[in-house]
């Protein structure tokens, strides 16, 4: 089945012919339906379509751009507003979606034996997005626990 999104991207491929980069923005759920997700390099707020497979390689994330955007403290200066102005759909999207992205990045770091950086990124996520302000969802708790277990296992 060719999803609408994949059909549009196929047209962009044909029109662009890799003359310039192009970027896509969507959630992990949408990404899973995307036919070409093995070619998406995560840059944080967007994915860059690459002309070669990047999934499960060091190129799966553009670390510099990811950290520059997603882990930039200025982007969280008003995070406490979540607690003050309860907007469940927005809170969930911002809190869970952002944490999920960071946890995927941490899993990537662990996969490539960058455990100290993975630990410091986990700590940074906790500072930027304190659980007291917006509690972890059950899904995020499971991912978080699996990462903690994996980091502990790697340390021993």
N, C-alpha and C. Protein backbone atom coordinates (compact mmCIF):
# COMPACT_ATOMS: atom_id res chain seq x y z
N UNK A 1 0.84 -1.17 0.00
CA UNK A 1 0.00 0.00 0.00
C UNK A 1 0.89 1.24 0.00
N UNK A 2 0.61 2.15 -0.87
CA UNK A 2 1.33 3.41 -0.93
C UNK A 2 0.47 4.47 -0.25
N UNK A 3 0.90 4.89 0.94
CA UNK A 3 0.18 5.93 1.68
C UNK A 3 0.29 7.25 0.94
N UNK A 4 -0.66 8.15 1.17
CA UNK A 4 -0.64 9.46 0.53
C UNK A 4 0.70 10.16 0.73
N UNK A 5 1.19 10.12 1.97
CA UNK A 5 2.44 10.79 2.28
C UNK A 5 3.58 10.22 1.44
N UNK A 6 3.63 8.90 1.30
CA UNK A 6 4.69 8.27 0.51
C UNK A 6 4.56 8.63 -0.97
N UNK A 7 3.35 8.74 -1.46
CA UNK A 7 3.15 9.13 -2.86
C UNK A 7 3.65 10.54 -3.11
N UNK A 8 3.40 11.44 -2.16
CA UNK A 8 3.87 12.82 -2.30
C UNK A 8 5.39 12.85 -2.29
N UNK A 9 6.00 12.09 -1.38
CA UNK A 9 7.46 12.06 -1.29
C UNK A 9 8.06 11.46 -2.56
N UNK A 10 7.43 10.44 -3.11
CA UNK A 10 7.90 9.85 -4.36
C UNK A 10 7.93 10.91 -5.46
N UNK A 11 6.89 11.74 -5.50
CA UNK A 11 6.86 12.82 -6.49
C UNK A 11 7.99 13.82 -6.23
N UNK A 12 8.26 14.12 -4.97
CA UNK A 12 9.36 15.04 -4.65
C UNK A 12 10.70 14.44 -5.10
N UNK A 13 10.88 13.13 -4.88
CA UNK A 13 12.11 12.45 -5.36
C UNK A 13 12.28 12.68 -6.85
N UNK A 14 11.26 12.38 -7.57
CA UNK A 14 11.32 12.46 -9.03
C UNK A 14 11.57 13.90 -9.51
N UNK A 15 10.93 14.84 -8.86
CA UNK A 15 11.09 16.24 -9.25
C UNK A 15 12.45 16.80 -8.84
N UNK A 16 12.86 16.50 -7.64
CA UNK A 16 14.08 17.05 -7.05
C UNK A 16 15.36 16.41 -7.59
N UNK A 17 15.33 15.11 -7.80
CA UNK A 17 16.49 14.33 -8.26
C UNK A 17 17.74 14.58 -7.42
N UNK A 18 17.55 14.79 -6.12
CA UNK A 18 18.64 14.98 -5.15
C UNK A 18 19.49 16.21 -5.43
N UNK A 19 18.91 17.20 -6.11
CA UNK A 19 19.64 18.44 -6.39
C UNK A 19 19.79 19.29 -5.14
N UNK A 20 18.88 19.13 -4.19
CA UNK A 20 18.95 19.86 -2.92
C UNK A 20 18.29 18.99 -1.85
N UNK A 21 18.68 19.20 -0.61
CA UNK A 21 18.08 18.38 0.46
C UNK A 21 16.62 18.75 0.68
N UNK A 22 15.87 17.78 1.21
CA UNK A 22 14.52 18.12 1.64
C UNK A 22 14.25 17.48 2.99
N UNK A 23 13.35 18.13 3.70
CA UNK A 23 13.09 17.80 5.09
C UNK A 23 11.63 17.47 5.30
N UNK A 24 11.39 16.63 6.29
CA UNK A 24 10.04 16.22 6.64
C UNK A 24 9.87 16.35 8.15
N UNK A 25 8.67 16.66 8.57
CA UNK A 25 8.37 16.72 9.99
C UNK A 25 7.13 15.90 10.25
N UNK A 26 7.27 14.90 11.11
CA UNK A 26 6.13 14.12 11.53
C UNK A 26 6.46 13.36 12.80
N UNK A 27 5.42 12.83 13.44
CA UNK A 27 5.61 12.09 14.69
C UNK A 27 6.15 10.70 14.39
N UNK A 28 6.56 10.00 15.43
CA UNK A 28 7.07 8.64 15.27
C UNK A 28 6.01 7.72 14.68
N UNK A 29 4.75 7.92 15.07
CA UNK A 29 3.67 7.08 14.52
C UNK A 29 3.55 7.28 13.02
N UNK A 30 3.60 8.55 12.60
CA UNK A 30 3.52 8.83 11.17
C UNK A 30 4.75 8.29 10.45
N UNK A 31 5.89 8.42 11.08
CA UNK A 31 7.15 7.95 10.48
C UNK A 31 7.09 6.45 10.23
N UNK A 32 6.46 5.71 11.12
CA UNK A 32 6.37 4.26 10.96
C UNK A 32 5.54 3.86 9.75
N UNK A 33 4.64 4.73 9.31
CA UNK A 33 3.83 4.44 8.12
C UNK A 33 4.53 4.90 6.85
N UNK A 34 5.63 5.60 7.00
CA UNK A 34 6.32 6.18 5.86
C UNK A 34 7.19 5.12 5.19
N UNK A 35 7.03 4.96 3.92
CA UNK A 35 7.69 3.93 3.14
C UNK A 35 9.21 4.04 3.14
N UNK A 36 9.74 5.25 3.29
CA UNK A 36 11.17 5.48 3.14
C UNK A 36 11.87 5.81 4.47
N UNK A 37 11.35 5.34 5.58
CA UNK A 37 11.92 5.77 6.86
C UNK A 37 13.34 5.29 7.12
N UNK A 38 13.84 4.32 6.39
CA UNK A 38 15.24 3.90 6.54
C UNK A 38 16.21 4.97 6.04
N UNK A 39 15.70 5.97 5.34
CA UNK A 39 16.53 7.01 4.73
C UNK A 39 16.40 8.36 5.44
N UNK A 40 15.74 8.37 6.59
CA UNK A 40 15.51 9.61 7.31
C UNK A 40 16.56 9.82 8.40
N UNK A 41 17.24 10.93 8.31
CA UNK A 41 18.22 11.30 9.33
C UNK A 41 17.52 12.26 10.30
N UNK A 42 17.54 11.92 11.58
CA UNK A 42 16.87 12.72 12.59
C UNK A 42 17.73 13.93 12.94
N UNK A 43 17.16 15.12 12.72
CA UNK A 43 17.85 16.36 13.07
C UNK A 43 17.14 17.08 14.22
N UNK A 44 16.26 16.39 14.88
CA UNK A 44 15.56 16.97 16.02
C UNK A 44 14.14 17.35 15.68
N UNK A 45 13.96 18.55 15.20
CA UNK A 45 12.62 19.01 14.86
C UNK A 45 12.17 18.53 13.50
N UNK A 46 13.11 18.10 12.68
CA UNK A 46 12.80 17.60 11.33
C UNK A 46 13.66 16.38 11.02
N UNK A 47 13.24 15.67 9.98
CA UNK A 47 14.03 14.57 9.43
C UNK A 47 14.53 15.02 8.07
N UNK A 48 15.78 14.73 7.80
CA UNK A 48 16.35 15.04 6.49
C UNK A 48 16.35 13.75 5.67
N UNK A 49 15.80 13.82 4.49
CA UNK A 49 15.79 12.67 3.59
C UNK A 49 17.19 12.54 2.98
N UNK A 50 17.78 11.37 3.17
CA UNK A 50 19.12 11.11 2.67
C UNK A 50 19.05 10.20 1.44
N UNK A 51 20.02 10.31 0.53
CA UNK A 51 20.01 9.46 -0.67
C UNK A 51 20.56 8.06 -0.42
N UNK A 52 20.79 7.72 0.83
CA UNK A 52 21.29 6.40 1.20
C UNK A 52 20.67 6.01 2.54
N UNK A 53 20.67 4.72 2.83
CA UNK A 53 20.08 4.21 4.06
C UNK A 53 20.89 4.67 5.27
N UNK A 54 20.20 5.23 6.26
CA UNK A 54 20.87 5.69 7.47
C UNK A 54 20.41 4.93 8.72
N UNK A 55 19.29 4.24 8.61
CA UNK A 55 18.76 3.51 9.77
C UNK A 55 19.80 2.52 10.28
N UNK A 56 19.95 2.48 11.60
CA UNK A 56 20.89 1.59 12.28
C UNK A 56 22.34 1.88 11.93
N UNK A 57 22.63 3.13 11.54
CA UNK A 57 24.01 3.53 11.29
C UNK A 57 24.31 4.77 12.12
N UNK A 58 25.58 5.15 12.15
CA UNK A 58 25.96 6.38 12.87
C UNK A 58 25.29 7.61 12.29
N UNK A 59 24.83 7.53 11.05
CA UNK A 59 24.18 8.67 10.39
C UNK A 59 22.68 8.75 10.65
N UNK A 60 22.16 7.87 11.49
CA UNK A 60 20.72 7.90 11.77
C UNK A 60 20.31 9.22 12.43
N UNK A 61 21.20 9.80 13.22
CA UNK A 61 20.98 11.10 13.84
C UNK A 61 22.08 12.05 13.39
N UNK A 62 21.72 13.28 13.13
CA UNK A 62 22.71 14.34 12.99
C UNK A 62 22.86 14.87 14.41
N UNK A 63 23.84 14.36 15.12
CA UNK A 63 23.96 14.64 16.56
C UNK A 63 24.03 16.13 16.86
N UNK A 64 24.82 16.84 16.09
CA UNK A 64 24.98 18.27 16.35
C UNK A 64 23.66 19.02 16.21
N UNK A 65 22.95 18.79 15.13
CA UNK A 65 21.68 19.48 14.92
C UNK A 65 20.61 19.02 15.90
N UNK A 66 20.59 17.73 16.21
CA UNK A 66 19.62 17.21 17.17
C UNK A 66 19.81 17.90 18.52
N UNK A 67 21.04 17.90 19.00
CA UNK A 67 21.32 18.50 20.31
C UNK A 67 21.11 20.00 20.31
N UNK A 68 21.47 20.64 19.21
CA UNK A 68 21.31 22.09 19.07
C UNK A 68 19.84 22.50 19.17
N UNK A 69 18.94 21.65 18.69
CA UNK A 69 17.52 21.98 18.73
C UNK A 69 16.80 21.37 19.91
N UNK A 70 16.78 20.07 19.98
CA UNK A 70 15.96 19.37 20.99
C UNK A 70 16.52 19.52 22.40
N UNK A 71 17.81 19.65 22.55
CA UNK A 71 18.40 19.73 23.90
C UNK A 71 18.82 21.15 24.28
N UNK A 72 18.33 22.12 23.56
CA UNK A 72 18.67 23.52 23.82
C UNK A 72 17.83 24.04 24.99
N UNK A 73 18.47 24.43 26.10
CA UNK A 73 17.72 24.87 27.28
C UNK A 73 16.71 25.99 27.01
N UNK A 74 17.03 26.91 26.09
CA UNK A 74 16.11 28.01 25.80
C UNK A 74 14.75 27.51 25.31
N UNK A 75 14.73 26.34 24.69
CA UNK A 75 13.47 25.79 24.19
C UNK A 75 12.57 25.26 25.30
N UNK A 76 13.06 25.25 26.52
CA UNK A 76 12.30 24.72 27.65
C UNK A 76 12.10 25.77 28.74
N UNK A 77 12.42 27.03 28.46
CA UNK A 77 12.35 28.04 29.51
C UNK A 77 10.94 28.23 30.06
N UNK A 78 9.92 27.89 29.27
CA UNK A 78 8.54 28.03 29.74
C UNK A 78 7.86 26.67 29.96
N UNK A 79 8.66 25.64 30.15
CA UNK A 79 8.10 24.30 30.34
C UNK A 79 7.16 24.24 31.54
N UNK A 80 7.47 25.01 32.59
CA UNK A 80 6.63 25.02 33.79
C UNK A 80 5.19 25.44 33.50
N UNK A 81 4.97 26.13 32.36
CA UNK A 81 3.60 26.53 31.98
C UNK A 81 2.65 25.34 31.87
N UNK A 82 3.21 24.19 31.55
CA UNK A 82 2.38 22.98 31.44
C UNK A 82 1.60 22.74 32.73
N UNK A 83 2.27 22.97 33.84
CA UNK A 83 1.63 22.74 35.14
C UNK A 83 0.59 23.83 35.45
N UNK A 84 0.87 25.04 35.03
CA UNK A 84 0.00 26.17 35.32
C UNK A 84 -1.23 26.20 34.42
N UNK A 85 -1.03 26.00 33.12
CA UNK A 85 -2.10 26.06 32.13
C UNK A 85 -2.34 24.66 31.56
N UNK A 86 -3.16 23.92 32.22
CA UNK A 86 -3.38 22.53 31.83
C UNK A 86 -4.11 22.45 30.48
N UNK A 87 -3.40 21.95 29.48
CA UNK A 87 -3.96 21.72 28.14
C UNK A 87 -3.56 20.31 27.74
N UNK A 88 -4.34 19.31 28.13
CA UNK A 88 -3.93 17.91 28.00
C UNK A 88 -3.36 17.49 26.65
N UNK A 89 -4.01 17.84 25.55
CA UNK A 89 -3.50 17.40 24.24
C UNK A 89 -2.15 18.03 23.92
N UNK A 90 -2.01 19.32 24.19
CA UNK A 90 -0.76 20.02 23.92
C UNK A 90 0.31 19.53 24.89
N UNK A 91 -0.05 19.41 26.15
CA UNK A 91 0.91 18.94 27.15
C UNK A 91 1.44 17.56 26.77
N UNK A 92 0.54 16.67 26.40
CA UNK A 92 0.94 15.31 26.04
C UNK A 92 1.83 15.34 24.82
N UNK A 93 1.45 16.12 23.82
CA UNK A 93 2.25 16.17 22.60
C UNK A 93 3.65 16.70 22.91
N UNK A 94 3.71 17.82 23.61
CA UNK A 94 5.01 18.41 23.88
C UNK A 94 5.82 17.54 24.84
N UNK A 95 5.21 17.16 25.95
CA UNK A 95 5.93 16.38 26.96
C UNK A 95 6.32 14.99 26.49
N UNK A 96 5.35 14.21 26.07
CA UNK A 96 5.63 12.83 25.68
C UNK A 96 6.40 12.74 24.36
N UNK A 97 6.00 13.52 23.38
CA UNK A 97 6.66 13.46 22.08
C UNK A 97 8.12 13.86 22.20
N UNK A 98 8.37 14.94 22.89
CA UNK A 98 9.75 15.41 23.04
C UNK A 98 10.59 14.40 23.83
N UNK A 99 10.03 13.90 24.93
CA UNK A 99 10.77 12.90 25.71
C UNK A 99 11.04 11.65 24.88
N UNK A 100 10.05 11.23 24.11
CA UNK A 100 10.24 10.04 23.28
C UNK A 100 11.37 10.24 22.28
N UNK A 101 11.44 11.42 21.69
CA UNK A 101 12.54 11.72 20.77
C UNK A 101 13.88 11.64 21.48
N UNK A 102 13.95 12.22 22.66
CA UNK A 102 15.21 12.21 23.41
C UNK A 102 15.57 10.78 23.80
N UNK A 103 14.59 10.00 24.22
CA UNK A 103 14.87 8.60 24.59
C UNK A 103 15.33 7.79 23.38
N UNK A 104 14.79 8.05 22.21
CA UNK A 104 15.28 7.37 21.00
C UNK A 104 16.73 7.76 20.72
N UNK A 105 17.04 9.02 20.95
CA UNK A 105 18.42 9.49 20.76
C UNK A 105 19.35 8.79 21.75
N UNK A 106 18.90 8.65 22.99
CA UNK A 106 19.71 7.97 24.00
C UNK A 106 19.92 6.50 23.62
N UNK A 107 18.89 5.84 23.12
CA UNK A 107 19.04 4.46 22.65
C UNK A 107 20.07 4.37 21.52
N UNK A 108 20.03 5.33 20.63
CA UNK A 108 21.01 5.42 19.55
C UNK A 108 22.43 5.54 20.13
N UNK A 109 22.60 6.43 21.11
CA UNK A 109 23.92 6.60 21.73
C UNK A 109 24.40 5.30 22.37
N UNK A 110 23.51 4.61 23.06
CA UNK A 110 23.87 3.33 23.69
C UNK A 110 24.26 2.31 22.63
N UNK A 111 23.50 2.25 21.54
CA UNK A 111 23.78 1.30 20.46
C UNK A 111 25.20 1.46 19.94
N UNK A 112 25.69 2.71 19.93
CA UNK A 112 27.02 2.97 19.41
C UNK A 112 28.03 3.23 20.51
N UNK A 113 27.73 2.66 21.70
CA UNK A 113 28.66 2.63 22.84
C UNK A 113 29.07 4.01 23.34
N UNK A 114 28.17 4.95 23.27
CA UNK A 114 28.41 6.30 23.80
C UNK A 114 27.63 6.44 25.10
N UNK A 115 27.95 5.55 26.05
CA UNK A 115 27.16 5.43 27.27
C UNK A 115 27.25 6.65 28.18
N UNK A 116 28.41 7.26 28.28
CA UNK A 116 28.53 8.45 29.14
C UNK A 116 27.68 9.59 28.58
N UNK A 117 27.72 9.75 27.27
CA UNK A 117 26.89 10.78 26.64
C UNK A 117 25.41 10.44 26.81
N UNK A 118 25.07 9.15 26.75
CA UNK A 118 23.68 8.72 26.95
C UNK A 118 23.22 9.08 28.36
N UNK A 119 24.06 8.82 29.35
CA UNK A 119 23.71 9.14 30.74
C UNK A 119 23.53 10.65 30.93
N UNK A 120 24.45 11.42 30.38
CA UNK A 120 24.35 12.87 30.55
C UNK A 120 23.13 13.43 29.81
N UNK A 121 22.77 12.83 28.68
CA UNK A 121 21.58 13.26 27.94
C UNK A 121 20.32 12.95 28.73
N UNK A 122 20.28 11.80 29.37
CA UNK A 122 19.14 11.43 30.21
C UNK A 122 19.00 12.41 31.37
N UNK A 123 20.12 12.76 31.99
CA UNK A 123 20.10 13.74 33.08
C UNK A 123 19.63 15.11 32.58
N UNK A 124 20.09 15.48 31.40
CA UNK A 124 19.69 16.77 30.83
C UNK A 124 18.19 16.79 30.55
N UNK A 125 17.66 15.69 30.02
CA UNK A 125 16.22 15.61 29.78
C UNK A 125 15.46 15.82 31.08
N UNK A 126 15.94 15.21 32.15
CA UNK A 126 15.27 15.34 33.45
C UNK A 126 15.32 16.78 33.96
N UNK A 127 16.42 17.47 33.69
CA UNK A 127 16.52 18.89 34.10
C UNK A 127 15.62 19.78 33.25
N UNK A 128 15.61 19.53 31.94
CA UNK A 128 14.83 20.37 31.03
C UNK A 128 13.33 20.15 31.18
N UNK A 129 12.95 18.90 31.47
CA UNK A 129 11.54 18.53 31.53
C UNK A 129 11.28 17.77 32.83
N UNK A 130 11.29 18.47 33.97
CA UNK A 130 11.14 17.78 35.25
C UNK A 130 9.81 17.03 35.36
N UNK A 131 9.91 15.86 35.94
CA UNK A 131 8.72 15.02 36.11
C UNK A 131 7.69 15.70 37.02
N UNK A 132 8.15 16.53 37.94
CA UNK A 132 7.22 17.24 38.84
C UNK A 132 6.32 18.19 38.05
N UNK A 133 6.82 18.70 36.95
CA UNK A 133 6.05 19.62 36.11
C UNK A 133 5.09 18.85 35.22
N UNK A 134 5.60 17.80 34.59
CA UNK A 134 4.77 16.97 33.71
C UNK A 134 5.19 15.52 33.89
N UNK A 135 4.38 14.71 34.60
CA UNK A 135 4.74 13.32 34.88
C UNK A 135 4.95 12.50 33.60
N UNK A 136 5.78 11.48 33.73
CA UNK A 136 6.03 10.57 32.63
C UNK A 136 4.78 9.72 32.37
N UNK A 137 4.46 9.54 31.11
CA UNK A 137 3.36 8.64 30.76
C UNK A 137 3.82 7.21 30.99
N UNK A 138 2.91 6.27 30.98
CA UNK A 138 3.27 4.85 31.18
C UNK A 138 4.22 4.37 30.08
N UNK A 139 3.97 4.77 28.85
CA UNK A 139 4.84 4.39 27.74
C UNK A 139 6.25 4.94 27.93
N UNK A 140 6.36 6.19 28.33
CA UNK A 140 7.67 6.82 28.54
C UNK A 140 8.37 6.16 29.73
N UNK A 141 7.61 5.84 30.78
CA UNK A 141 8.20 5.16 31.95
C UNK A 141 8.84 3.84 31.55
N UNK A 142 8.16 3.08 30.69
CA UNK A 142 8.71 1.79 30.23
C UNK A 142 10.00 1.99 29.45
N UNK A 143 9.99 2.96 28.54
CA UNK A 143 11.19 3.24 27.75
C UNK A 143 12.33 3.71 28.65
N UNK A 144 12.00 4.59 29.60
CA UNK A 144 12.97 5.14 30.53
C UNK A 144 13.62 4.03 31.36
N UNK A 145 12.77 3.15 31.88
CA UNK A 145 13.26 2.03 32.71
C UNK A 145 14.16 1.11 31.89
N UNK A 146 13.77 0.81 30.67
CA UNK A 146 14.59 -0.05 29.80
C UNK A 146 15.96 0.58 29.55
N UNK A 147 15.99 1.89 29.37
CA UNK A 147 17.27 2.58 29.15
C UNK A 147 18.11 2.56 30.42
N UNK A 148 17.50 2.84 31.56
CA UNK A 148 18.24 2.77 32.83
C UNK A 148 18.83 1.38 33.04
N UNK A 149 18.03 0.35 32.78
CA UNK A 149 18.51 -1.04 32.93
C UNK A 149 19.67 -1.32 31.98
N UNK A 150 19.54 -0.86 30.76
CA UNK A 150 20.58 -1.09 29.75
C UNK A 150 21.87 -0.36 30.14
N UNK A 151 21.76 0.85 30.61
CA UNK A 151 22.96 1.61 31.03
C UNK A 151 23.61 0.96 32.25
N UNK A 152 22.79 0.46 33.16
CA UNK A 152 23.33 -0.24 34.34
C UNK A 152 24.04 -1.52 33.92
N UNK A 153 23.43 -2.24 33.03
CA UNK A 153 24.02 -3.49 32.52
C UNK A 153 25.35 -3.22 31.81
N UNK A 154 25.39 -2.17 31.01
CA UNK A 154 26.61 -1.80 30.29
C UNK A 154 27.73 -1.39 31.25
N UNK A 155 27.34 -0.80 32.40
CA UNK A 155 28.33 -0.32 33.38
C UNK A 155 28.98 -1.49 34.11
N UNK A 156 28.27 -2.62 34.21
CA UNK A 156 28.80 -3.78 34.96
C UNK A 156 29.60 -4.71 34.11
